[in-house]
N, C-alpha and C. Protein backbone atom coordinates (compact mmCIF):
# COMPACT_ATOMS: atom_id res chain seq x y z
N MET A 1 9.68 87.30 136.62
CA MET A 1 11.00 87.31 137.27
C MET A 1 11.53 85.90 137.46
N ARG A 2 10.65 84.95 137.95
CA ARG A 2 11.06 83.57 138.17
C ARG A 2 11.52 82.94 136.85
N LYS A 3 10.77 83.21 135.77
CA LYS A 3 11.12 82.66 134.46
C LYS A 3 12.47 83.19 134.01
N THR A 4 12.70 84.47 134.26
CA THR A 4 13.97 85.10 133.87
C THR A 4 15.14 84.48 134.61
N LEU A 5 14.96 84.21 135.93
CA LEU A 5 16.01 83.60 136.73
C LEU A 5 16.33 82.18 136.26
N VAL A 6 15.28 81.42 135.92
CA VAL A 6 15.48 80.04 135.45
C VAL A 6 16.28 80.02 134.16
N VAL A 7 15.91 80.94 133.25
CA VAL A 7 16.63 81.01 131.97
C VAL A 7 18.08 81.39 132.18
N ALA A 8 18.32 82.37 133.07
CA ALA A 8 19.68 82.81 133.35
C ALA A 8 20.51 81.69 133.97
N LEU A 9 19.90 80.93 134.90
CA LEU A 9 20.60 79.82 135.54
C LEU A 9 20.94 78.74 134.52
N ALA A 10 19.98 78.41 133.67
CA ALA A 10 20.21 77.40 132.65
C ALA A 10 21.33 77.81 131.71
N THR A 11 21.36 79.09 131.35
CA THR A 11 22.40 79.59 130.45
C THR A 11 23.78 79.51 131.10
N SER A 12 23.83 79.83 132.40
CA SER A 12 25.09 79.76 133.13
C SER A 12 25.62 78.33 133.21
N LEU A 13 24.73 77.38 133.51
CA LEU A 13 25.12 75.96 133.59
C LEU A 13 25.61 75.46 132.26
N LEU A 14 24.94 75.88 131.19
CA LEU A 14 25.36 75.46 129.85
C LEU A 14 26.76 75.98 129.55
N ALA A 15 27.01 77.22 129.94
CA ALA A 15 28.33 77.82 129.71
C ALA A 15 29.41 77.06 130.48
N LEU A 16 29.09 76.65 131.70
CA LEU A 16 30.05 75.89 132.51
C LEU A 16 30.37 74.55 131.88
N MET A 17 29.39 73.96 131.19
CA MET A 17 29.60 72.66 130.55
C MET A 17 30.45 72.80 129.29
N ILE A 18 30.38 73.94 128.62
CA ILE A 18 31.06 74.10 127.34
C ILE A 18 32.47 74.65 127.50
N ILE A 19 32.63 75.68 128.35
CA ILE A 19 33.91 76.38 128.44
C ILE A 19 35.06 75.48 128.87
N PRO A 20 34.89 74.61 129.92
CA PRO A 20 36.03 73.81 130.35
C PRO A 20 36.23 72.56 129.51
N GLY A 21 35.65 72.49 128.34
CA GLY A 21 35.74 71.29 127.52
C GLY A 21 37.17 70.89 127.27
N SER A 22 37.40 69.63 126.92
CA SER A 22 38.74 69.12 126.71
C SER A 22 39.37 69.77 125.50
N PRO A 23 40.72 69.86 125.48
CA PRO A 23 41.42 70.43 124.34
C PRO A 23 41.08 69.71 123.03
N ALA A 24 40.88 68.37 123.13
CA ALA A 24 40.56 67.61 121.93
C ALA A 24 39.24 68.07 121.35
N ALA A 25 38.27 68.37 122.25
CA ALA A 25 36.97 68.82 121.77
C ALA A 25 37.05 70.24 121.25
N ALA A 26 37.93 71.05 121.86
CA ALA A 26 38.04 72.44 121.48
C ALA A 26 38.64 72.61 120.09
N ASP A 27 39.66 71.81 119.77
CA ASP A 27 40.28 71.98 118.47
C ASP A 27 39.79 70.98 117.44
N GLY A 28 38.85 70.14 117.85
CA GLY A 28 38.25 69.21 116.91
C GLY A 28 39.13 68.02 116.56
N LYS A 29 40.24 67.83 117.31
CA LYS A 29 41.14 66.72 117.03
C LYS A 29 41.02 65.64 118.09
N LYS A 30 41.17 64.39 117.67
CA LYS A 30 41.13 63.28 118.60
C LYS A 30 42.52 63.03 119.14
N LYS A 31 42.57 62.63 120.41
CA LYS A 31 43.86 62.29 120.98
C LYS A 31 44.34 60.97 120.37
N SER A 32 45.67 60.88 120.17
CA SER A 32 46.21 59.66 119.60
C SER A 32 46.12 58.53 120.62
N LYS A 33 45.90 57.32 120.11
CA LYS A 33 45.76 56.17 120.98
C LYS A 33 47.11 55.72 121.49
N GLY A 34 47.15 55.24 122.72
CA GLY A 34 48.38 54.75 123.30
C GLY A 34 48.55 53.28 123.02
N PRO A 35 49.55 52.64 123.67
CA PRO A 35 49.80 51.22 123.48
C PRO A 35 48.57 50.37 123.82
N VAL A 36 48.43 49.25 123.11
CA VAL A 36 47.30 48.34 123.32
C VAL A 36 47.79 47.11 124.06
N VAL A 37 47.12 46.75 125.15
CA VAL A 37 47.47 45.55 125.90
C VAL A 37 47.08 44.32 125.09
N VAL A 38 48.04 43.44 124.83
CA VAL A 38 47.77 42.25 124.02
C VAL A 38 47.82 40.97 124.85
N ALA A 39 48.28 41.06 126.10
CA ALA A 39 48.33 39.86 126.95
C ALA A 39 48.49 40.26 128.41
N THR A 40 47.89 39.48 129.29
CA THR A 40 48.07 39.66 130.73
C THR A 40 48.44 38.31 131.34
N ASP A 41 49.01 38.37 132.54
CA ASP A 41 49.51 37.13 133.14
C ASP A 41 49.26 37.09 134.64
N ASP A 42 49.26 35.90 135.18
CA ASP A 42 49.16 35.69 136.63
C ASP A 42 50.33 36.42 137.30
N PRO A 43 50.07 37.23 138.32
CA PRO A 43 51.14 38.00 138.96
C PRO A 43 52.06 37.19 139.87
N ALA A 44 51.82 35.89 139.98
CA ALA A 44 52.66 35.08 140.88
C ALA A 44 52.80 33.66 140.33
N ASP A 45 53.31 33.54 139.10
CA ASP A 45 53.44 32.20 138.53
C ASP A 45 54.83 31.92 137.96
N TRP A 46 55.82 32.79 138.29
CA TRP A 46 57.17 32.53 137.80
C TRP A 46 57.67 31.19 138.35
N GLY A 47 58.28 30.40 137.50
CA GLY A 47 58.87 29.13 137.92
C GLY A 47 57.88 28.01 138.12
N ALA A 48 56.62 28.23 137.79
CA ALA A 48 55.60 27.19 138.00
C ALA A 48 55.89 25.94 137.17
N ASN A 49 56.65 26.09 136.10
CA ASN A 49 57.01 24.93 135.27
C ASN A 49 57.95 23.98 136.00
N VAL A 50 58.59 24.50 137.06
CA VAL A 50 59.53 23.69 137.84
C VAL A 50 58.98 23.41 139.23
N ASP A 51 58.60 24.50 139.93
CA ASP A 51 58.10 24.38 141.30
C ASP A 51 57.27 25.62 141.62
N PRO A 52 55.96 25.49 141.81
CA PRO A 52 55.11 26.66 142.07
C PRO A 52 55.44 27.41 143.35
N THR A 53 56.16 26.79 144.27
CA THR A 53 56.47 27.45 145.55
C THR A 53 57.57 28.50 145.43
N ILE A 54 58.30 28.52 144.30
CA ILE A 54 59.40 29.47 144.16
C ILE A 54 58.95 30.78 143.49
N ALA A 55 57.66 30.90 143.21
CA ALA A 55 57.13 32.07 142.50
C ALA A 55 57.56 33.42 143.08
N PRO A 56 57.58 33.61 144.41
CA PRO A 56 57.96 34.92 144.96
C PRO A 56 59.33 35.42 144.51
N ALA A 57 60.22 34.51 144.17
CA ALA A 57 61.56 34.92 143.76
C ALA A 57 61.55 35.61 142.41
N GLY A 58 60.51 35.42 141.62
CA GLY A 58 60.45 36.00 140.29
C GLY A 58 60.36 37.52 140.28
N VAL A 59 59.77 38.09 141.35
CA VAL A 59 59.60 39.55 141.40
C VAL A 59 60.94 40.27 141.57
N PRO A 60 61.73 39.99 142.60
CA PRO A 60 63.01 40.70 142.75
C PRO A 60 63.99 40.39 141.63
N LEU A 61 63.82 39.27 140.96
CA LEU A 61 64.71 38.92 139.85
C LEU A 61 64.33 39.63 138.56
N GLY A 62 63.17 40.27 138.54
CA GLY A 62 62.72 40.95 137.33
C GLY A 62 62.20 39.99 136.28
N MET A 63 61.65 38.86 136.71
CA MET A 63 61.17 37.86 135.76
C MET A 63 59.69 37.55 135.89
N GLU A 64 58.96 38.29 136.72
CA GLU A 64 57.52 38.07 136.87
C GLU A 64 56.78 39.05 135.94
N ILE A 65 56.25 38.52 134.84
CA ILE A 65 55.58 39.35 133.86
C ILE A 65 54.12 39.57 134.25
N LEU A 66 53.66 40.82 134.11
CA LEU A 66 52.26 41.15 134.40
C LEU A 66 51.43 41.30 133.12
N GLU A 67 51.96 42.04 132.15
CA GLU A 67 51.23 42.23 130.91
C GLU A 67 52.18 42.68 129.80
N ALA A 68 51.66 42.66 128.58
CA ALA A 68 52.44 43.08 127.42
C ALA A 68 51.58 43.97 126.54
N SER A 69 52.20 45.00 125.98
CA SER A 69 51.48 45.96 125.15
C SER A 69 52.27 46.26 123.88
N ILE A 70 51.56 46.70 122.86
CA ILE A 70 52.20 47.10 121.60
C ILE A 70 51.70 48.49 121.24
N GLY A 71 52.62 49.37 120.86
CA GLY A 71 52.26 50.72 120.47
C GLY A 71 53.11 51.20 119.32
N LEU A 72 53.02 52.49 119.06
CA LEU A 72 53.76 53.11 117.97
C LEU A 72 54.44 54.36 118.53
N SER A 73 55.70 54.58 118.16
CA SER A 73 56.41 55.75 118.64
C SER A 73 55.76 57.03 118.12
N GLU A 74 56.04 58.15 118.77
CA GLU A 74 55.42 59.41 118.39
C GLU A 74 55.72 59.81 116.95
N ASP A 75 56.93 59.47 116.49
CA ASP A 75 57.28 59.81 115.11
C ASP A 75 56.83 58.74 114.11
N LYS A 76 56.14 57.71 114.63
CA LYS A 76 55.57 56.64 113.79
C LYS A 76 56.65 55.88 113.00
N LYS A 77 57.84 55.82 113.55
CA LYS A 77 58.91 55.10 112.87
C LYS A 77 59.24 53.76 113.54
N ASP A 78 58.81 53.60 114.81
CA ASP A 78 59.13 52.38 115.56
C ASP A 78 57.88 51.73 116.13
N ILE A 79 57.86 50.40 116.10
CA ILE A 79 56.84 49.64 116.83
C ILE A 79 57.39 49.46 118.24
N LEU A 80 56.60 49.77 119.25
CA LEU A 80 57.04 49.65 120.64
C LEU A 80 56.47 48.39 121.27
N PHE A 81 57.34 47.49 121.66
CA PHE A 81 56.94 46.28 122.37
C PHE A 81 57.24 46.51 123.85
N ILE A 82 56.19 46.52 124.67
CA ILE A 82 56.33 46.90 126.08
C ILE A 82 55.99 45.73 127.00
N ILE A 83 56.93 45.36 127.85
CA ILE A 83 56.73 44.30 128.83
C ILE A 83 56.63 44.93 130.21
N SER A 84 55.54 44.67 130.92
CA SER A 84 55.36 45.20 132.28
C SER A 84 55.64 44.08 133.28
N LEU A 85 56.45 44.40 134.28
CA LEU A 85 56.87 43.41 135.27
C LEU A 85 56.32 43.75 136.64
N ALA A 86 56.30 42.74 137.51
CA ALA A 86 55.80 42.94 138.87
C ALA A 86 56.87 43.55 139.77
N GLY A 87 58.12 43.49 139.32
CA GLY A 87 59.21 44.01 140.14
C GLY A 87 60.23 44.75 139.31
N PRO A 88 61.41 44.95 139.83
CA PRO A 88 62.42 45.75 139.15
C PRO A 88 62.68 45.29 137.72
N SER A 89 62.73 46.24 136.80
CA SER A 89 62.97 45.88 135.41
C SER A 89 64.42 46.11 135.00
N ALA A 90 65.31 46.19 135.99
CA ALA A 90 66.72 46.40 135.67
C ALA A 90 67.33 45.15 135.05
N GLY A 91 66.57 44.06 135.03
CA GLY A 91 67.08 42.85 134.40
C GLY A 91 67.92 42.00 135.31
N GLY A 92 67.79 42.24 136.61
CA GLY A 92 68.56 41.43 137.55
C GLY A 92 70.06 41.66 137.39
N ILE A 93 70.86 40.70 137.77
CA ILE A 93 72.32 40.76 137.60
C ILE A 93 72.61 40.68 136.11
N PRO A 94 73.56 41.45 135.61
CA PRO A 94 73.88 41.36 134.17
C PRO A 94 74.03 39.91 133.70
N GLU A 95 73.37 39.62 132.59
CA GLU A 95 73.39 38.30 131.96
C GLU A 95 72.56 37.26 132.70
N LEU A 96 71.89 37.65 133.76
CA LEU A 96 71.08 36.65 134.48
C LEU A 96 69.73 36.44 133.81
N VAL A 97 69.13 37.51 133.32
CA VAL A 97 67.78 37.42 132.78
C VAL A 97 67.75 37.69 131.28
N ARG A 98 67.02 36.85 130.57
CA ARG A 98 66.83 37.06 129.14
C ARG A 98 65.34 37.17 128.86
N TYR A 99 64.99 38.16 128.07
CA TYR A 99 63.59 38.39 127.71
C TYR A 99 63.38 38.09 126.23
N GLY A 100 62.21 37.57 125.90
CA GLY A 100 61.92 37.27 124.51
C GLY A 100 60.47 37.59 124.16
N TRP A 101 60.24 37.87 122.88
CA TRP A 101 58.88 38.16 122.38
C TRP A 101 58.82 37.67 120.94
N GLU A 102 57.94 36.74 120.66
CA GLU A 102 57.77 36.24 119.30
C GLU A 102 56.47 36.79 118.72
N PHE A 103 56.52 37.25 117.47
CA PHE A 103 55.37 37.93 116.89
C PHE A 103 55.40 37.80 115.37
N THR A 104 54.32 38.21 114.74
CA THR A 104 54.27 38.24 113.29
C THR A 104 53.92 39.65 112.82
N VAL A 105 54.41 39.99 111.65
CA VAL A 105 54.07 41.25 110.99
C VAL A 105 53.48 40.91 109.64
N ASP A 106 52.18 41.13 109.51
CA ASP A 106 51.47 40.77 108.27
C ASP A 106 51.75 39.32 107.89
N GLY A 107 51.79 38.46 108.92
CA GLY A 107 51.97 37.03 108.70
C GLY A 107 53.40 36.54 108.71
N ASN A 108 54.38 37.43 108.69
CA ASN A 108 55.79 37.04 108.69
C ASN A 108 56.33 37.00 110.12
N ALA A 109 56.99 35.91 110.47
CA ALA A 109 57.42 35.67 111.85
C ALA A 109 58.75 36.34 112.19
N PHE A 110 58.79 36.95 113.38
CA PHE A 110 60.01 37.57 113.92
C PHE A 110 60.06 37.30 115.42
N GLN A 111 61.19 37.62 116.01
CA GLN A 111 61.30 37.52 117.46
C GLN A 111 62.30 38.52 118.00
N LEU A 112 62.09 38.89 119.24
CA LEU A 112 63.00 39.75 119.98
C LEU A 112 63.66 38.91 121.07
N ASN A 113 64.95 39.13 121.28
CA ASN A 113 65.64 38.38 122.31
C ASN A 113 66.77 39.26 122.84
N GLY A 114 66.76 39.48 124.15
CA GLY A 114 67.82 40.31 124.71
C GLY A 114 67.71 40.44 126.21
N GLY A 115 68.46 41.38 126.74
CA GLY A 115 68.47 41.56 128.19
C GLY A 115 69.23 42.81 128.57
N ARG A 116 69.73 42.79 129.78
CA ARG A 116 70.40 43.99 130.31
C ARG A 116 71.74 44.25 129.61
N THR A 117 72.50 43.19 129.36
CA THR A 117 73.77 43.33 128.65
C THR A 117 73.98 42.14 127.72
N GLU A 118 75.02 42.22 126.91
CA GLU A 118 75.44 41.10 126.07
C GLU A 118 76.93 40.86 126.27
N MET A 119 77.41 41.09 127.49
CA MET A 119 78.84 41.02 127.75
C MET A 119 79.40 39.61 127.54
N ILE A 120 78.62 38.58 127.84
CA ILE A 120 79.12 37.22 127.68
C ILE A 120 79.02 36.78 126.23
N ARG A 121 77.84 36.97 125.63
CA ARG A 121 77.67 36.55 124.24
C ARG A 121 78.34 37.52 123.28
N GLY A 122 78.45 38.78 123.70
CA GLY A 122 79.06 39.77 122.84
C GLY A 122 78.34 39.88 121.51
N MET A 123 79.08 40.18 120.46
CA MET A 123 78.48 40.30 119.14
C MET A 123 78.24 38.94 118.50
N CYS A 124 78.83 37.90 119.06
CA CYS A 124 78.72 36.57 118.46
C CYS A 124 77.80 35.69 119.30
N ASN A 125 76.69 35.30 118.71
CA ASN A 125 75.72 34.46 119.39
C ASN A 125 75.78 33.07 118.76
N PRO A 126 75.97 32.03 119.57
CA PRO A 126 76.11 30.67 119.00
C PRO A 126 74.88 30.20 118.22
N LEU A 127 73.73 30.86 118.41
CA LEU A 127 72.53 30.45 117.68
C LEU A 127 72.40 31.17 116.33
N HIS A 128 73.11 32.25 116.16
CA HIS A 128 72.94 33.04 114.95
C HIS A 128 73.73 32.45 113.78
N THR A 129 73.03 32.25 112.67
CA THR A 129 73.67 31.67 111.50
C THR A 129 73.94 32.70 110.42
N GLU A 130 73.22 33.80 110.43
CA GLU A 130 73.41 34.82 109.39
C GLU A 130 73.12 36.20 109.94
N PRO A 131 74.13 36.99 110.17
CA PRO A 131 75.54 36.59 110.34
C PRO A 131 75.80 36.18 111.78
N ALA A 132 76.74 35.29 112.00
CA ALA A 132 77.02 34.79 113.35
C ALA A 132 77.59 35.89 114.24
N CYS A 133 78.47 36.71 113.67
CA CYS A 133 79.05 37.83 114.41
C CYS A 133 78.80 39.08 113.58
N PRO A 134 77.59 39.58 113.59
CA PRO A 134 77.22 40.66 112.67
C PRO A 134 77.82 42.02 113.00
N PRO A 135 78.60 42.57 112.07
CA PRO A 135 79.15 43.90 112.29
C PRO A 135 78.14 45.00 112.00
N ASN A 136 77.04 44.63 111.38
CA ASN A 136 76.07 45.64 110.93
C ASN A 136 74.90 45.84 111.88
N VAL A 137 74.90 45.19 113.02
CA VAL A 137 73.74 45.31 113.89
C VAL A 137 74.06 45.92 115.25
N GLY A 138 75.23 46.48 115.40
CA GLY A 138 75.51 47.10 116.69
C GLY A 138 76.97 47.39 116.89
N ASP A 139 77.28 48.12 117.91
CA ASP A 139 78.64 48.51 118.24
C ASP A 139 79.00 47.87 119.58
N PRO A 140 80.12 47.15 119.65
CA PRO A 140 80.51 46.52 120.92
C PRO A 140 80.55 47.51 122.08
N ALA A 141 80.68 48.80 121.78
CA ALA A 141 80.74 49.81 122.83
C ALA A 141 79.41 49.99 123.54
N VAL A 142 78.32 49.50 122.94
CA VAL A 142 77.01 49.66 123.57
C VAL A 142 76.44 48.31 124.03
N LEU A 143 77.31 47.37 124.27
CA LEU A 143 76.86 46.04 124.70
C LEU A 143 76.15 46.08 126.05
N THR A 144 76.37 47.11 126.83
CA THR A 144 75.74 47.20 128.14
C THR A 144 74.48 48.07 128.12
N ASN A 145 74.05 48.47 126.95
CA ASN A 145 72.93 49.40 126.84
C ASN A 145 71.62 48.68 126.50
N PHE A 146 71.29 47.64 127.25
CA PHE A 146 70.03 46.91 127.11
C PHE A 146 69.76 46.48 125.67
N PRO A 147 70.66 45.68 125.10
CA PRO A 147 70.53 45.30 123.69
C PRO A 147 69.55 44.15 123.45
N PHE A 148 68.83 44.25 122.35
CA PHE A 148 67.92 43.19 121.91
C PHE A 148 68.17 42.88 120.44
N PHE A 149 68.20 41.60 120.11
CA PHE A 149 68.30 41.19 118.72
C PHE A 149 66.90 41.11 118.12
N VAL A 150 66.76 41.59 116.88
CA VAL A 150 65.54 41.37 116.10
C VAL A 150 65.92 40.29 115.10
N ARG A 151 65.28 39.14 115.17
CA ARG A 151 65.73 38.03 114.36
C ARG A 151 64.56 37.18 113.87
N SER A 152 64.87 36.23 112.97
CA SER A 152 63.85 35.31 112.47
C SER A 152 64.47 33.94 112.29
N GLY A 153 63.61 32.94 112.20
CA GLY A 153 64.07 31.56 112.12
C GLY A 153 63.77 30.84 113.41
N ALA A 154 64.06 29.56 113.44
CA ALA A 154 63.78 28.76 114.64
C ALA A 154 64.62 29.21 115.82
N CYS A 155 65.87 29.63 115.54
CA CYS A 155 66.78 30.14 116.58
C CYS A 155 66.92 29.18 117.75
N SER A 156 67.04 27.91 117.45
CA SER A 156 67.38 26.91 118.45
C SER A 156 68.69 26.28 118.00
N VAL A 157 69.30 25.47 118.86
CA VAL A 157 70.61 24.89 118.55
C VAL A 157 70.53 24.09 117.25
N GLY A 158 71.39 24.44 116.31
CA GLY A 158 71.43 23.73 115.04
C GLY A 158 70.43 24.19 114.00
N ALA A 159 69.61 25.19 114.35
CA ALA A 159 68.59 25.66 113.41
C ALA A 159 68.95 27.06 112.91
N GLU A 160 68.32 27.44 111.81
CA GLU A 160 68.60 28.75 111.23
C GLU A 160 68.14 29.88 112.15
N CYS A 161 68.94 30.94 112.24
CA CYS A 161 68.58 32.10 113.04
C CYS A 161 69.22 33.33 112.40
N VAL A 162 68.42 34.14 111.74
CA VAL A 162 68.92 35.29 111.00
C VAL A 162 68.71 36.58 111.80
N VAL A 163 69.77 37.35 111.96
CA VAL A 163 69.70 38.63 112.67
C VAL A 163 69.36 39.73 111.67
N HIS A 164 68.28 40.49 111.98
CA HIS A 164 67.87 41.59 111.11
C HIS A 164 68.37 42.94 111.63
N ALA A 165 68.49 43.06 112.93
CA ALA A 165 68.94 44.32 113.52
C ALA A 165 69.24 44.13 114.99
N TRP A 166 69.87 45.14 115.55
CA TRP A 166 70.19 45.20 116.98
C TRP A 166 69.59 46.50 117.48
N VAL A 167 68.73 46.43 118.48
CA VAL A 167 68.10 47.64 119.01
C VAL A 167 68.35 47.73 120.51
N ASN A 168 68.22 48.91 121.05
CA ASN A 168 68.43 49.12 122.48
C ASN A 168 67.13 49.47 123.17
N ALA A 169 66.79 48.69 124.18
CA ALA A 169 65.54 48.87 124.90
C ALA A 169 65.69 49.92 126.00
N THR A 170 64.55 50.35 126.53
CA THR A 170 64.54 51.25 127.69
C THR A 170 64.00 50.48 128.88
N PHE A 171 64.78 50.38 129.93
CA PHE A 171 64.37 49.71 131.16
C PHE A 171 63.98 50.78 132.17
N ASP A 172 62.71 50.90 132.45
CA ASP A 172 62.21 51.91 133.39
C ASP A 172 62.06 51.26 134.76
N VAL A 173 62.98 51.57 135.67
CA VAL A 173 62.98 50.93 136.99
C VAL A 173 61.90 51.49 137.91
N ASP A 174 61.31 52.62 137.55
CA ASP A 174 60.22 53.17 138.36
C ASP A 174 58.87 52.57 137.95
N ALA A 175 58.66 52.45 136.64
CA ALA A 175 57.40 51.89 136.14
C ALA A 175 57.46 50.39 135.99
N ASN A 176 58.67 49.80 136.17
CA ASN A 176 58.86 48.35 135.99
C ASN A 176 58.45 47.91 134.59
N THR A 177 58.93 48.62 133.60
CA THR A 177 58.62 48.26 132.22
C THR A 177 59.89 48.16 131.38
N ILE A 178 59.79 47.38 130.34
CA ILE A 178 60.85 47.28 129.33
C ILE A 178 60.20 47.65 128.00
N THR A 179 60.71 48.68 127.35
CA THR A 179 60.18 49.11 126.07
C THR A 179 61.21 48.87 124.99
N ILE A 180 60.85 48.03 124.02
CA ILE A 180 61.77 47.65 122.95
C ILE A 180 61.30 48.28 121.64
N PRO A 181 62.04 49.25 121.10
CA PRO A 181 61.63 49.91 119.86
C PRO A 181 62.18 49.15 118.64
N VAL A 182 61.30 48.81 117.73
CA VAL A 182 61.72 48.11 116.51
C VAL A 182 61.33 48.95 115.30
N PRO A 183 62.31 49.44 114.54
CA PRO A 183 62.00 50.24 113.35
C PRO A 183 61.10 49.47 112.38
N LEU A 184 60.10 50.16 111.83
CA LEU A 184 59.17 49.50 110.92
C LEU A 184 59.88 48.81 109.77
N GLU A 185 60.90 49.48 109.20
CA GLU A 185 61.54 48.90 108.02
C GLU A 185 62.30 47.62 108.32
N VAL A 186 62.72 47.44 109.58
CA VAL A 186 63.47 46.24 109.95
C VAL A 186 62.62 44.98 109.82
N VAL A 187 61.32 45.11 110.11
CA VAL A 187 60.42 43.95 110.04
C VAL A 187 59.43 44.08 108.88
N ASP A 188 59.78 44.91 107.90
CA ASP A 188 58.95 45.10 106.70
C ASP A 188 57.52 45.50 107.06
N ALA A 189 57.39 46.36 108.06
CA ALA A 189 56.07 46.83 108.48
C ALA A 189 55.80 48.21 107.90
N LYS A 190 54.55 48.61 107.94
CA LYS A 190 54.13 49.94 107.51
C LYS A 190 52.94 50.34 108.37
N LEU A 191 52.57 51.60 108.31
CA LEU A 191 51.40 52.03 109.04
C LEU A 191 50.19 51.28 108.49
N GLY A 192 49.43 50.66 109.38
CA GLY A 192 48.31 49.82 108.96
C GLY A 192 48.64 48.35 108.98
N SER A 193 49.93 47.98 109.19
CA SER A 193 50.31 46.57 109.27
C SER A 193 49.68 45.90 110.49
N LYS A 194 49.49 44.59 110.39
CA LYS A 194 48.94 43.83 111.50
C LYS A 194 50.06 43.11 112.26
N ILE A 195 50.09 43.34 113.58
CA ILE A 195 51.07 42.69 114.45
C ILE A 195 50.34 41.59 115.21
N GLY A 196 50.70 40.36 114.95
CA GLY A 196 49.98 39.24 115.54
C GLY A 196 50.85 38.37 116.44
N PRO A 197 50.24 37.39 117.08
CA PRO A 197 50.96 36.51 118.01
C PRO A 197 51.64 35.35 117.31
N MET A 198 52.58 34.77 118.00
CA MET A 198 53.25 33.57 117.52
C MET A 198 53.78 32.81 118.72
N GLY A 199 53.54 31.53 118.77
CA GLY A 199 54.03 30.70 119.87
C GLY A 199 55.45 30.26 119.63
N GLY A 200 56.25 30.13 120.69
CA GLY A 200 57.62 29.71 120.54
C GLY A 200 57.98 28.63 121.54
N LEU A 201 59.28 28.53 121.83
CA LEU A 201 59.78 27.52 122.75
C LEU A 201 59.17 27.68 124.14
N PHE A 202 59.02 28.92 124.60
CA PHE A 202 58.45 29.21 125.91
C PHE A 202 56.99 29.63 125.81
N GLY A 203 56.66 30.32 124.77
CA GLY A 203 55.39 31.01 124.63
C GLY A 203 55.69 32.28 123.89
N ALA A 204 54.70 33.09 123.62
CA ALA A 204 54.95 34.30 122.83
C ALA A 204 55.91 35.26 123.51
N ILE A 205 55.77 35.41 124.84
CA ILE A 205 56.61 36.34 125.60
C ILE A 205 57.14 35.62 126.84
N TYR A 206 58.41 35.83 127.14
CA TYR A 206 58.96 35.11 128.30
C TYR A 206 60.07 35.91 128.98
N ALA A 207 60.33 35.52 130.22
CA ALA A 207 61.46 36.01 131.00
C ALA A 207 62.08 34.79 131.65
N ALA A 208 63.35 34.57 131.38
CA ALA A 208 63.98 33.35 131.87
C ALA A 208 65.45 33.59 132.16
N PRO A 209 66.04 32.78 133.06
CA PRO A 209 67.47 32.91 133.32
C PRO A 209 68.26 32.31 132.16
N GLY A 210 69.43 32.84 131.93
CA GLY A 210 70.27 32.29 130.88
C GLY A 210 71.17 33.35 130.30
N ALA A 211 72.43 33.01 130.07
CA ALA A 211 73.37 33.98 129.55
C ALA A 211 73.66 33.74 128.08
N VAL A 212 74.19 32.59 127.76
CA VAL A 212 74.55 32.28 126.37
C VAL A 212 73.37 31.65 125.65
N VAL A 213 72.86 30.55 126.19
CA VAL A 213 71.69 29.88 125.62
C VAL A 213 70.68 29.66 126.73
N THR A 214 69.42 29.95 126.47
CA THR A 214 68.36 29.79 127.46
C THR A 214 67.50 28.59 127.07
N THR A 215 67.20 27.72 128.03
CA THR A 215 66.38 26.55 127.75
C THR A 215 65.08 26.63 128.55
N ASN A 216 64.03 25.97 128.03
CA ASN A 216 62.74 26.03 128.71
C ASN A 216 62.65 25.09 129.90
N GLY A 217 63.74 24.40 130.21
CA GLY A 217 63.75 23.55 131.40
C GLY A 217 64.06 24.33 132.66
N LEU A 218 64.51 25.56 132.49
CA LEU A 218 64.81 26.42 133.65
C LEU A 218 63.53 27.12 134.11
N PRO A 219 63.44 27.50 135.38
CA PRO A 219 62.24 28.22 135.84
C PRO A 219 62.10 29.54 135.08
N HIS A 220 60.90 29.82 134.61
CA HIS A 220 60.68 31.03 133.82
C HIS A 220 59.23 31.46 133.92
N ASP A 221 58.94 32.61 133.34
CA ASP A 221 57.56 33.08 133.22
C ASP A 221 57.29 33.30 131.75
N ALA A 222 56.16 32.80 131.28
CA ALA A 222 55.82 32.94 129.87
C ALA A 222 54.32 33.19 129.73
N ILE A 223 53.95 34.03 128.79
CA ILE A 223 52.54 34.30 128.55
C ILE A 223 52.24 34.19 127.06
N ALA A 224 51.03 33.77 126.76
CA ALA A 224 50.60 33.63 125.37
C ALA A 224 49.88 34.90 124.93
N VAL A 225 50.02 35.23 123.66
CA VAL A 225 49.32 36.37 123.08
C VAL A 225 48.31 35.83 122.08
N THR A 226 47.08 36.26 122.19
CA THR A 226 46.05 35.81 121.26
C THR A 226 45.48 36.96 120.44
N LYS A 227 45.90 38.18 120.79
CA LYS A 227 45.32 39.36 120.15
C LYS A 227 46.20 39.89 119.02
N THR A 228 45.57 40.23 117.90
CA THR A 228 46.27 40.87 116.79
C THR A 228 45.85 42.35 116.75
N ILE A 229 46.83 43.24 116.61
CA ILE A 229 46.50 44.66 116.52
C ILE A 229 46.91 45.21 115.16
N LYS A 230 46.31 46.32 114.80
CA LYS A 230 46.64 46.99 113.54
C LYS A 230 47.27 48.32 113.86
N LEU A 231 48.44 48.57 113.31
CA LEU A 231 49.11 49.84 113.57
C LEU A 231 48.28 50.98 112.97
N PRO A 232 48.08 52.04 113.73
CA PRO A 232 47.27 53.14 113.22
C PRO A 232 47.91 53.78 111.99
N LYS A 233 47.09 54.23 111.07
CA LYS A 233 47.59 54.87 109.85
C LYS A 233 47.76 56.38 110.03
N LYS A 234 47.05 56.94 111.04
CA LYS A 234 47.12 58.38 111.27
C LYS A 234 47.53 58.67 112.69
């Protein structure tokens, strides 16, 4: 009788371990991987390039960066560049905050640059050389819809700066994140491409004040990226 009870108990425990198994285990499929964190930052270092005591102001201004991640959209058509902030990601007052991210795709350099609106710069950016006022990268009617330029070149005063596309980011004020979707074809990427870091005027990723032109002499937050990721093929 004791042996029978032990066997019955063991069988019951085994059933409890198997039946509630995860859906992934039940159907034999692995869950898709989410965004990969490629950089983290000090949560209180905004403006340290000018004065370390002004750091607390970076949070309410939406310029204190915590980390950065790269992922792939569900339809596998867009690379998602995600910036996590310590405070509101509404971008502060329109035209007050500009965000940037410099990166490489299979060794080719690109950058993202944008903010909450483009009402002051409009379709014409004084740094853009090709085309300076591009009709093919956006509609003036959506200038307030969190626009970001996808561009390449030095993009400093007097240097070449080519616009490849205009995309609209998602500013999540609850999660304090900015998600910038970049179509794979815009940056000549494909599934399996390597997305790597690139240093720029501020660093790979930055948040800084500036409407028309942003300079690194202003208080800002910048973080370096050292990690290269490979876009999943499946």
